[in-house]
């Protein structure tokens, strides 16, 4: 059940980031941070057999990319 919930939350986050990208008229260098975050989240979603440490590290990398987007 935890895996299903994790996938649902990851899907929602990916959809939210996609909406941000869709609302942009043109993609800038800044938007690459969101694209990077989506790539990390998709890896997290599709790879099975990851340890909790690997899941947390990938999640943190995605959140760092999102933070860079809003920071710049």
Protein backbone atom coordinates (compact mmCIF):
# COMPACT_ATOMS: atom_id res chain seq x y z
CA UNK A 1 0.00 0.00 0.00
CA UNK A 2 2.85 2.41 0.77
CA UNK A 3 4.25 1.92 -2.75
CA UNK A 4 0.87 2.74 -4.29
CA UNK A 5 0.54 5.90 -2.15
CA UNK A 6 4.10 6.93 -3.09
CA UNK A 7 3.31 6.51 -6.80
CA UNK A 8 0.11 8.55 -6.45
CA UNK A 9 1.94 11.38 -4.68
CA UNK A 10 4.72 11.32 -7.27
CA UNK A 11 2.15 11.43 -10.08
CA UNK A 12 0.44 14.45 -8.53
CA UNK A 13 3.74 16.29 -8.18
CA UNK A 14 4.68 15.52 -11.80
CA UNK A 15 1.26 16.76 -12.98
CA UNK A 16 1.63 19.97 -10.96
CA UNK A 17 5.06 20.66 -12.42
CA UNK A 18 3.73 19.93 -15.92
CA UNK A 19 1.00 22.54 -15.38
CA UNK A 20 3.62 25.13 -14.47
CA UNK A 21 5.59 24.31 -17.62
CA UNK A 22 2.46 24.41 -19.80
CA UNK A 23 1.54 27.86 -18.54
CA UNK A 24 4.90 29.25 -19.62
CA UNK A 25 5.01 30.91 -23.06
CA UNK A 26 8.55 29.81 -23.77
CA UNK A 27 10.94 27.65 -21.85
CA UNK A 28 13.90 29.40 -20.32
CA UNK A 29 17.08 28.12 -18.77
CA UNK A 30 15.32 28.44 -15.42
CA UNK A 31 12.64 25.99 -16.57
CA UNK A 32 15.28 23.31 -17.05
CA UNK A 33 15.20 22.90 -13.28
CA UNK A 34 11.58 21.76 -13.49
CA UNK A 35 12.37 19.44 -16.38
CA UNK A 36 15.17 17.94 -14.28
CA UNK A 37 12.78 17.51 -11.35
CA UNK A 38 10.26 15.67 -13.54
CA UNK A 39 12.99 13.34 -14.82
CA UNK A 40 14.07 12.52 -11.26
CA UNK A 41 10.49 11.93 -10.15
CA UNK A 42 9.79 9.65 -13.11
CA UNK A 43 12.87 7.60 -12.23
CA UNK A 44 11.61 7.37 -8.69
CA UNK A 45 8.19 6.27 -9.85
CA UNK A 46 9.25 3.61 -12.33
CA UNK A 47 12.15 1.92 -10.60
CA UNK A 48 11.22 -0.87 -8.27
CA UNK A 49 13.48 -2.41 -5.67
CA UNK A 50 15.01 0.83 -4.48
CA UNK A 51 16.10 1.11 -0.88
CA UNK A 52 14.61 3.78 1.36
CA UNK A 53 17.91 5.65 1.18
CA UNK A 54 17.83 5.70 -2.64
CA UNK A 55 14.21 6.87 -2.63
CA UNK A 56 15.01 9.70 -0.22
CA UNK A 57 18.10 10.76 -2.17
CA UNK A 58 16.20 10.89 -5.45
CA UNK A 59 13.35 12.78 -3.79
CA UNK A 60 15.77 15.30 -2.33
CA UNK A 61 17.43 15.81 -5.73
CA UNK A 62 14.02 16.51 -7.28
CA UNK A 63 13.11 18.96 -4.51
CA UNK A 64 16.46 20.73 -4.90
CA UNK A 65 15.74 21.23 -8.61
CA UNK A 66 12.30 22.64 -7.77
CA UNK A 67 13.83 24.95 -5.16
CA UNK A 68 16.37 26.22 -7.73
CA UNK A 69 13.47 27.07 -10.06
CA UNK A 70 11.69 29.18 -7.45
CA UNK A 71 14.90 30.68 -6.09
CA UNK A 72 16.11 32.02 -9.44
